[in-house]
Amino acid sequence: ATPNWFKDAVMYQIFVDRFCNGHDEGKIL
């Protein structure tokens, strides 16, 4: 069996460097 919760899911793939900079001023960590 595979996890039932997963069959109900909707997934979203994120390429982290290109999704969002959490620093409002655009600071590079």
PDB file of all heavy atoms in Angstrom:
ATOM      1  N   ALA A   1       0.854  -1.190   0.000  1.00  0.00           N
ATOM      2  CA  ALA A   1       0.000   0.000   0.000  1.00  0.00           C
ATOM      3  C   ALA A   1       0.885   1.233   0.000  1.00  0.00           C
ATOM      4  O   ALA A   1       2.048   1.183   0.418  1.00  0.00           O
ATOM      5  CB  ALA A   1      -0.929   0.016   1.212  1.00  0.00           C
ATOM      6  N   THR A   2       0.355   2.322  -0.480  1.00  0.00           N
ATOM      7  CA  THR A   2       1.020   3.616  -0.407  1.00  0.00           C
ATOM      8  C   THR A   2       0.202   4.502   0.520  1.00  0.00           C
ATOM      9  O   THR A   2      -1.002   4.283   0.689  1.00  0.00           O
ATOM     10  CB  THR A   2       1.139   4.251  -1.797  1.00  0.00           C
ATOM     11  OG1 THR A   2      -0.176   4.397  -2.359  1.00  0.00           O
ATOM     12  CG2 THR A   2       1.972   3.389  -2.730  1.00  0.00           C
ATOM     13  N   PRO A   3       0.816   5.508   1.145  1.00  0.00           N
ATOM     14  CA  PRO A   3       0.090   6.327   2.133  1.00  0.00           C
ATOM     15  C   PRO A   3      -1.168   6.972   1.545  1.00  0.00           C
ATOM     16  O   PRO A   3      -1.107   7.649   0.513  1.00  0.00           O
ATOM     17  CB  PRO A   3       1.120   7.378   2.546  1.00  0.00           C
ATOM     18  CG  PRO A   3       2.441   6.709   2.323  1.00  0.00           C
ATOM     19  CD  PRO A   3       2.249   5.871   1.083  1.00  0.00           C
ATOM     20  N   ASN A   4      -2.285   6.763   2.210  1.00  0.00           N
ATOM     21  CA  ASN A   4      -3.546   7.299   1.700  1.00  0.00           C
ATOM     22  C   ASN A   4      -3.575   8.821   1.690  1.00  0.00           C
ATOM     23  O   ASN A   4      -4.172   9.433   0.801  1.00  0.00           O
ATOM     24  CB  ASN A   4      -4.719   6.745   2.515  1.00  0.00           C
ATOM     25  CG  ASN A   4      -5.016   5.295   2.190  1.00  0.00           C
ATOM     26  OD1 ASN A   4      -4.845   4.854   1.063  1.00  0.00           O
ATOM     27  ND2 ASN A   4      -5.450   4.535   3.183  1.00  0.00           N
ATOM     28  N   TRP A   5      -2.930   9.446   2.680  1.00  0.00           N
ATOM     29  CA  TRP A   5      -2.943  10.911   2.714  1.00  0.00           C
ATOM     30  C   TRP A   5      -2.300  11.492   1.457  1.00  0.00           C
ATOM     31  O   TRP A   5      -2.719  12.546   0.962  1.00  0.00           O
ATOM     32  CB  TRP A   5      -2.208  11.437   3.954  1.00  0.00           C
ATOM     33  CG  TRP A   5      -0.708  11.270   3.901  1.00  0.00           C
ATOM     34  CD1 TRP A   5       0.027  10.235   4.372  1.00  0.00           C
ATOM     35  CD2 TRP A   5       0.236  12.188   3.320  1.00  0.00           C
ATOM     36  NE1 TRP A   5       1.369  10.431   4.134  1.00  0.00           N
ATOM     37  CE2 TRP A   5       1.526  11.627   3.487  1.00  0.00           C
ATOM     38  CE3 TRP A   5       0.110  13.421   2.684  1.00  0.00           C
ATOM     39  CZ2 TRP A   5       2.683  12.257   3.039  1.00  0.00           C
ATOM     40  CZ3 TRP A   5       1.277  14.053   2.224  1.00  0.00           C
ATOM     41  CH2 TRP A   5       2.538  13.475   2.410  1.00  0.00           C
ATOM     42  N   PHE A   6      -1.292  10.777   0.938  1.00  0.00           N
ATOM     43  CA  PHE A   6      -0.571  11.276  -0.224  1.00  0.00           C
ATOM     44  C   PHE A   6      -1.447  11.231  -1.472  1.00  0.00           C
ATOM     45  O   PHE A   6      -1.355  12.111  -2.338  1.00  0.00           O
ATOM     46  CB  PHE A   6       0.700  10.453  -0.419  1.00  0.00           C
ATOM     47  CG  PHE A   6       1.607  10.980  -1.495  1.00  0.00           C
ATOM     48  CD1 PHE A   6       2.206  12.218  -1.372  1.00  0.00           C
ATOM     49  CD2 PHE A   6       1.868  10.232  -2.638  1.00  0.00           C
ATOM     50  CE1 PHE A   6       3.046  12.713  -2.366  1.00  0.00           C
ATOM     51  CE2 PHE A   6       2.702  10.710  -3.630  1.00  0.00           C
ATOM     52  CZ  PHE A   6       3.298  11.955  -3.492  1.00  0.00           C
ATOM     53  N   LYS A   7      -2.310  10.229  -1.575  1.00  0.00           N
ATOM     54  CA  LYS A   7      -3.195  10.130  -2.734  1.00  0.00           C
ATOM     55  C   LYS A   7      -4.163  11.312  -2.805  1.00  0.00           C
ATOM     56  O   LYS A   7      -4.683  11.632  -3.867  1.00  0.00           O
ATOM     57  CB  LYS A   7      -3.992   8.829  -2.685  1.00  0.00           C
ATOM     58  CG  LYS A   7      -3.150   7.559  -2.653  1.00  0.00           C
ATOM     59  CD  LYS A   7      -4.039   6.332  -2.654  1.00  0.00           C
ATOM     60  CE  LYS A   7      -3.273   5.041  -2.468  1.00  0.00           C
ATOM     61  NZ  LYS A   7      -2.927   4.773  -1.062  1.00  0.00           N
ATOM     62  N   ASP A   8      -4.415  11.938  -1.658  1.00  0.00           N
ATOM     63  CA  ASP A   8      -5.327  13.079  -1.604  1.00  0.00           C
ATOM     64  C   ASP A   8      -4.619  14.413  -1.827  1.00  0.00           C
ATOM     65  O   ASP A   8      -5.257  15.465  -1.834  1.00  0.00           O
ATOM     66  CB  ASP A   8      -6.028  13.131  -0.240  1.00  0.00           C
ATOM     67  CG  ASP A   8      -7.090  12.053  -0.083  1.00  0.00           C
ATOM     68  OD1 ASP A   8      -7.632  11.600  -1.110  1.00  0.00           O
ATOM     69  OD2 ASP A   8      -7.378  11.667   1.065  1.00  0.00           O
ATOM     70  N   ALA A   9      -3.311  14.388  -2.009  1.00  0.00           N
ATOM     71  CA  ALA A   9      -2.520  15.613  -1.991  1.00  0.00           C
ATOM     72  C   ALA A   9      -2.477  16.315  -3.343  1.00  0.00           C
ATOM     73  O   ALA A   9      -2.723  15.725  -4.395  1.00  0.00           O
ATOM     74  CB  ALA A   9      -1.097  15.299  -1.529  1.00  0.00           C
ATOM     75  N   VAL A  10      -2.134  17.596  -3.293  1.00  0.00           N
ATOM     76  CA  VAL A  10      -1.730  18.380  -4.461  1.00  0.00           C
ATOM     77  C   VAL A  10      -0.336  18.909  -4.139  1.00  0.00           C
ATOM     78  O   VAL A  10      -0.123  19.529  -3.103  1.00  0.00           O
ATOM     79  CB  VAL A  10      -2.698  19.539  -4.759  1.00  0.00           C
ATOM     80  CG1 VAL A  10      -2.184  20.362  -5.941  1.00  0.00           C
ATOM     81  CG2 VAL A  10      -4.099  19.010  -5.044  1.00  0.00           C
ATOM     82  N   MET A  11       0.613  18.654  -5.029  1.00  0.00           N
ATOM     83  CA  MET A  11       2.032  18.940  -4.782  1.00  0.00           C
ATOM     84  C   MET A  11       2.482  20.193  -5.531  1.00  0.00           C
ATOM     85  O   MET A  11       1.938  20.535  -6.577  1.00  0.00           O
ATOM     86  CB  MET A  11       2.855  17.727  -5.209  1.00  0.00           C
ATOM     87  CG  MET A  11       4.336  17.822  -4.915  1.00  0.00           C
ATOM     88  SD  MET A  11       5.272  16.394  -5.564  1.00  0.00           S
ATOM     89  CE  MET A  11       4.642  15.106  -4.505  1.00  0.00           C
ATOM     90  N   TYR A  12       3.494  20.833  -4.966  1.00  0.00           N
ATOM     91  CA  TYR A  12       4.068  22.034  -5.576  1.00  0.00           C
ATOM     92  C   TYR A  12       5.578  21.921  -5.502  1.00  0.00           C
ATOM     93  O   TYR A  12       6.144  21.747  -4.424  1.00  0.00           O
ATOM     94  CB  TYR A  12       3.591  23.274  -4.821  1.00  0.00           C
ATOM     95  CG  TYR A  12       3.843  24.598  -5.488  1.00  0.00           C
ATOM     96  CD1 TYR A  12       2.923  25.128  -6.391  1.00  0.00           C
ATOM     97  CD2 TYR A  12       4.975  25.347  -5.196  1.00  0.00           C
ATOM     98  CE1 TYR A  12       3.129  26.367  -6.990  1.00  0.00           C
ATOM     99  CE2 TYR A  12       5.187  26.589  -5.782  1.00  0.00           C
ATOM    100  CZ  TYR A  12       4.267  27.084  -6.680  1.00  0.00           C
ATOM    101  OH  TYR A  12       4.472  28.322  -7.275  1.00  0.00           O
ATOM    102  N   GLN A  13       6.251  21.983  -6.661  1.00  0.00           N
ATOM    103  CA  GLN A  13       7.709  21.859  -6.707  1.00  0.00           C
ATOM    104  C   GLN A  13       8.360  23.231  -6.703  1.00  0.00           C
ATOM    105  O   GLN A  13       7.996  24.111  -7.493  1.00  0.00           O
ATOM    106  CB  GLN A  13       8.147  21.089  -7.955  1.00  0.00           C
ATOM    107  CG  GLN A  13       9.670  20.971  -8.052  1.00  0.00           C
ATOM    108  CD  GLN A  13      10.144  20.335  -9.340  1.00  0.00           C
ATOM    109  OE1 GLN A  13       9.353  19.808 -10.103  1.00  0.00           O
ATOM    110  NE2 GLN A  13      11.437  20.396  -9.587  1.00  0.00           N
ATOM    111  N   ILE A  14       9.347  23.407  -5.822  1.00  0.00           N
ATOM    112  CA  ILE A  14      10.027  24.701  -5.681  1.00  0.00           C
ATOM    113  C   ILE A  14      11.523  24.554  -5.923  1.00  0.00           C
ATOM    114  O   ILE A  14      12.199  23.776  -5.249  1.00  0.00           O
ATOM    115  CB  ILE A  14       9.787  25.301  -4.283  1.00  0.00           C
ATOM    116  CG1 ILE A  14       8.298  25.628  -4.096  1.00  0.00           C
ATOM    117  CG2 ILE A  14      10.636  26.555  -4.073  1.00  0.00           C
ATOM    118  CD1 ILE A  14       7.960  26.171  -2.726  1.00  0.00           C
ATOM    119  N   PHE A  15      12.027  25.316  -6.869  1.00  0.00           N
ATOM    120  CA  PHE A  15      13.461  25.500  -7.079  1.00  0.00           C
ATOM    121  C   PHE A  15      13.832  26.721  -6.240  1.00  0.00           C
ATOM    122  O   PHE A  15      13.540  27.859  -6.615  1.00  0.00           O
ATOM    123  CB  PHE A  15      13.718  25.731  -8.570  1.00  0.00           C
ATOM    124  CG  PHE A  15      15.143  25.581  -8.996  1.00  0.00           C
ATOM    125  CD1 PHE A  15      15.632  24.345  -9.390  1.00  0.00           C
ATOM    126  CD2 PHE A  15      15.998  26.669  -9.018  1.00  0.00           C
ATOM    127  CE1 PHE A  15      16.949  24.201  -9.801  1.00  0.00           C
ATOM    128  CE2 PHE A  15      17.312  26.531  -9.421  1.00  0.00           C
ATOM    129  CZ  PHE A  15      17.803  25.296  -9.813  1.00  0.00           C
ATOM    130  N   VAL A  16      14.429  26.489  -5.101  1.00  0.00           N
ATOM    131  CA  VAL A  16      14.458  27.491  -4.024  1.00  0.00           C
ATOM    132  C   VAL A  16      15.060  28.818  -4.447  1.00  0.00           C
ATOM    133  O   VAL A  16      14.512  29.887  -4.134  1.00  0.00           O
ATOM    134  CB  VAL A  16      15.200  26.919  -2.795  1.00  0.00           C
ATOM    135  CG1 VAL A  16      15.303  27.969  -1.693  1.00  0.00           C
ATOM    136  CG2 VAL A  16      14.468  25.687  -2.268  1.00  0.00           C
ATOM    137  N   ASP A  17      16.182  28.822  -5.150  1.00  0.00           N
ATOM    138  CA  ASP A  17      16.843  30.078  -5.508  1.00  0.00           C
ATOM    139  C   ASP A  17      15.965  30.968  -6.373  1.00  0.00           C
ATOM    140  O   ASP A  17      16.177  32.182  -6.436  1.00  0.00           O
ATOM    141  CB  ASP A  17      18.159  29.786  -6.238  1.00  0.00           C
ATOM    142  CG  ASP A  17      18.891  31.056  -6.617  1.00  0.00           C
ATOM    143  OD1 ASP A  17      19.291  31.802  -5.703  1.00  0.00           O
ATOM    144  OD2 ASP A  17      19.049  31.310  -7.834  1.00  0.00           O
ATOM    145  N   ARG A  18      14.949  30.392  -7.032  1.00  0.00           N
ATOM    146  CA  ARG A  18      14.151  31.158  -8.005  1.00  0.00           C
ATOM    147  C   ARG A  18      12.721  31.414  -7.538  1.00  0.00           C
ATOM    148  O   ARG A  18      11.932  31.968  -8.300  1.00  0.00           O
ATOM    149  CB  ARG A  18      14.127  30.413  -9.354  1.00  0.00           C
ATOM    150  CG  ARG A  18      15.497  29.943  -9.827  1.00  0.00           C
ATOM    151  CD  ARG A  18      16.450  31.099 -10.087  1.00  0.00           C
ATOM    152  NE  ARG A  18      17.846  30.709 -10.110  1.00  0.00           N
ATOM    153  CZ  ARG A  18      18.498  30.225 -11.149  1.00  0.00           C
ATOM    154  NH1 ARG A  18      17.847  30.014 -12.278  1.00  0.00           N
ATOM    155  NH2 ARG A  18      19.775  29.938 -11.078  1.00  0.00           N
ATOM    156  N   PHE A  19      12.382  30.999  -6.320  1.00  0.00           N
ATOM    157  CA  PHE A  19      10.986  31.122  -5.896  1.00  0.00           C
ATOM    158  C   PHE A  19      10.711  32.450  -5.194  1.00  0.00           C
ATOM    159  O   PHE A  19       9.864  33.227  -5.622  1.00  0.00           O
ATOM    160  CB  PHE A  19      10.605  29.956  -4.990  1.00  0.00           C
ATOM    161  CG  PHE A  19       9.164  29.962  -4.565  1.00  0.00           C
ATOM    162  CD1 PHE A  19       8.140  29.894  -5.506  1.00  0.00           C
ATOM    163  CD2 PHE A  19       8.818  30.033  -3.221  1.00  0.00           C
ATOM    164  CE1 PHE A  19       6.806  29.898  -5.117  1.00  0.00           C
ATOM    165  CE2 PHE A  19       7.487  30.034  -2.826  1.00  0.00           C
ATOM    166  CZ  PHE A  19       6.484  29.968  -3.776  1.00  0.00           C
ATOM    167  N   CYS A  20      11.410  32.720  -4.118  1.00  0.00           N
ATOM    168  CA  CYS A  20      11.157  33.963  -3.385  1.00  0.00           C
ATOM    169  C   CYS A  20      12.317  34.259  -2.438  1.00  0.00           C
ATOM    170  O   CYS A  20      12.781  33.372  -1.732  1.00  0.00           O
ATOM    171  CB  CYS A  20       9.858  33.855  -2.591  1.00  0.00           C
ATOM    172  SG  CYS A  20       9.479  35.320  -1.596  1.00  0.00           S
ATOM    173  N   ASN A  21      12.758  35.515  -2.433  1.00  0.00           N
ATOM    174  CA  ASN A  21      13.717  35.987  -1.438  1.00  0.00           C
ATOM    175  C   ASN A  21      12.917  36.537  -0.267  1.00  0.00           C
ATOM    176  O   ASN A  21      12.171  37.500  -0.416  1.00  0.00           O
ATOM    177  CB  ASN A  21      14.620  37.067  -2.032  1.00  0.00           C
ATOM    178  CG  ASN A  21      15.741  37.476  -1.095  1.00  0.00           C
ATOM    179  OD1 ASN A  21      15.622  37.376   0.127  1.00  0.00           O
ATOM    180  ND2 ASN A  21      16.843  37.943  -1.666  1.00  0.00           N
ATOM    181  N   GLY A  22      13.056  35.903   0.888  1.00  0.00           N
ATOM    182  CA  GLY A  22      12.256  36.304   2.045  1.00  0.00           C
ATOM    183  C   GLY A  22      12.632  37.628   2.646  1.00  0.00           C
ATOM    184  O   GLY A  22      11.912  38.150   3.507  1.00  0.00           O
ATOM    185  N   HIS A  23      13.740  38.226   2.206  1.00  0.00           N
ATOM    186  CA  HIS A  23      14.149  39.542   2.700  1.00  0.00           C
ATOM    187  C   HIS A  23      13.597  40.612   1.774  1.00  0.00           C
ATOM    188  O   HIS A  23      13.924  40.645   0.584  1.00  0.00           O
ATOM    189  CB  HIS A  23      15.675  39.632   2.785  1.00  0.00           C
ATOM    190  CG  HIS A  23      16.267  38.642   3.740  1.00  0.00           C
ATOM    191  ND1 HIS A  23      16.316  38.853   5.098  1.00  0.00           N
ATOM    192  CD2 HIS A  23      16.816  37.421   3.527  1.00  0.00           C
ATOM    193  CE1 HIS A  23      16.892  37.805   5.689  1.00  0.00           C
ATOM    194  NE2 HIS A  23      17.191  36.926   4.756  1.00  0.00           N
ATOM    195  N   ASP A  24      12.767  41.474   2.312  1.00  0.00           N
ATOM    196  CA  ASP A  24      12.089  42.480   1.494  1.00  0.00           C
ATOM    197  C   ASP A  24      13.059  43.339   0.697  1.00  0.00           C
ATOM    198  O   ASP A  24      12.765  43.778  -0.415  1.00  0.00           O
ATOM    199  CB  ASP A  24      11.214  43.370   2.374  1.00  0.00           C
ATOM    200  CG  ASP A  24      10.055  42.603   3.010  1.00  0.00           C
ATOM    201  OD1 ASP A  24       9.667  41.572   2.432  1.00  0.00           O
ATOM    202  OD2 ASP A  24       9.565  43.037   4.067  1.00  0.00           O
ATOM    203  N   GLU A  25      14.216  43.620   1.276  1.00  0.00           N
ATOM    204  CA  GLU A  25      15.181  44.479   0.594  1.00  0.00           C
ATOM    205  C   GLU A  25      16.022  43.711  -0.429  1.00  0.00           C
ATOM    206  O   GLU A  25      16.935  44.280  -1.051  1.00  0.00           O
ATOM    207  CB  GLU A  25      16.108  45.150   1.624  1.00  0.00           C
ATOM    208  CG  GLU A  25      17.084  44.211   2.327  1.00  0.00           C
ATOM    209  CD  GLU A  25      16.482  43.397   3.460  1.00  0.00           C
ATOM    210  OE1 GLU A  25      15.236  43.411   3.612  1.00  0.00           O
ATOM    211  OE2 GLU A  25      17.247  42.750   4.196  1.00  0.00           O
ATOM    212  N   GLY A  26      15.740  42.410  -0.597  1.00  0.00           N
ATOM    213  CA  GLY A  26      16.458  41.614  -1.578  1.00  0.00           C
ATOM    214  C   GLY A  26      17.846  41.197  -1.144  1.00  0.00           C
ATOM    215  O   GLY A  26      18.694  40.846  -1.976  1.00  0.00           O
ATOM    216  N   LYS A  27      18.095  41.187   0.130  1.00  0.00           N
ATOM    217  CA  LYS A  27      19.407  40.809   0.657  1.00  0.00           C
ATOM    218  C   LYS A  27      19.765  39.384   0.243  1.00  0.00           C
ATOM    219  O   LYS A  27      18.940  38.478   0.292  1.00  0.00           O
ATOM    220  CB  LYS A  27      19.384  40.927   2.178  1.00  0.00           C
ATOM    221  CG  LYS A  27      20.637  40.433   2.881  1.00  0.00           C
ATOM    222  CD  LYS A  27      20.454  40.505   4.395  1.00  0.00           C
ATOM    223  CE  LYS A  27      21.636  39.895   5.123  1.00  0.00           C
ATOM    224  NZ  LYS A  27      21.442  39.919   6.602  1.00  0.00           N
ATOM    225  N   ILE A  28      21.018  39.176  -0.151  1.00  0.00           N
ATOM    226  CA  ILE A  28      21.536  37.855  -0.485  1.00  0.00           C
ATOM    227  C   ILE A  28      22.224  37.286   0.745  1.00  0.00           C
ATOM    228  O   ILE A  28      23.135  37.911   1.312  1.00  0.00           O
ATOM    229  CB  ILE A  28      22.537  37.911  -1.653  1.00  0.00           C
ATOM    230  CG1 ILE A  28      21.896  38.557  -2.887  1.00  0.00           C
ATOM    231  CG2 ILE A  28      23.053  36.515  -1.970  1.00  0.00           C
ATOM    232  CD1 ILE A  28      20.790  37.757  -3.513  1.00  0.00           C
ATOM    233  N   LEU A  29      21.795  36.110   1.173  1.00  0.00           N
ATOM    234  CA  LEU A  29      22.383  35.491   2.358  1.00  0.00           C
ATOM    235  C   LEU A  29      23.735  34.855   2.031  1.00  0.00           C
ATOM    236  O   LEU A  29      23.842  34.130   1.046  1.00  0.00           O
ATOM    237  CB  LEU A  29      21.445  34.413   2.907  1.00  0.00           C
ATOM    238  CG  LEU A  29      20.076  34.853   3.436  1.00  0.00           C
ATOM    239  CD1 LEU A  29      19.276  33.625   3.850  1.00  0.00           C
ATOM    240  CD2 LEU A  29      20.236  35.803   4.611  1.00  0.00           C
TER     241      LEU A  29
END
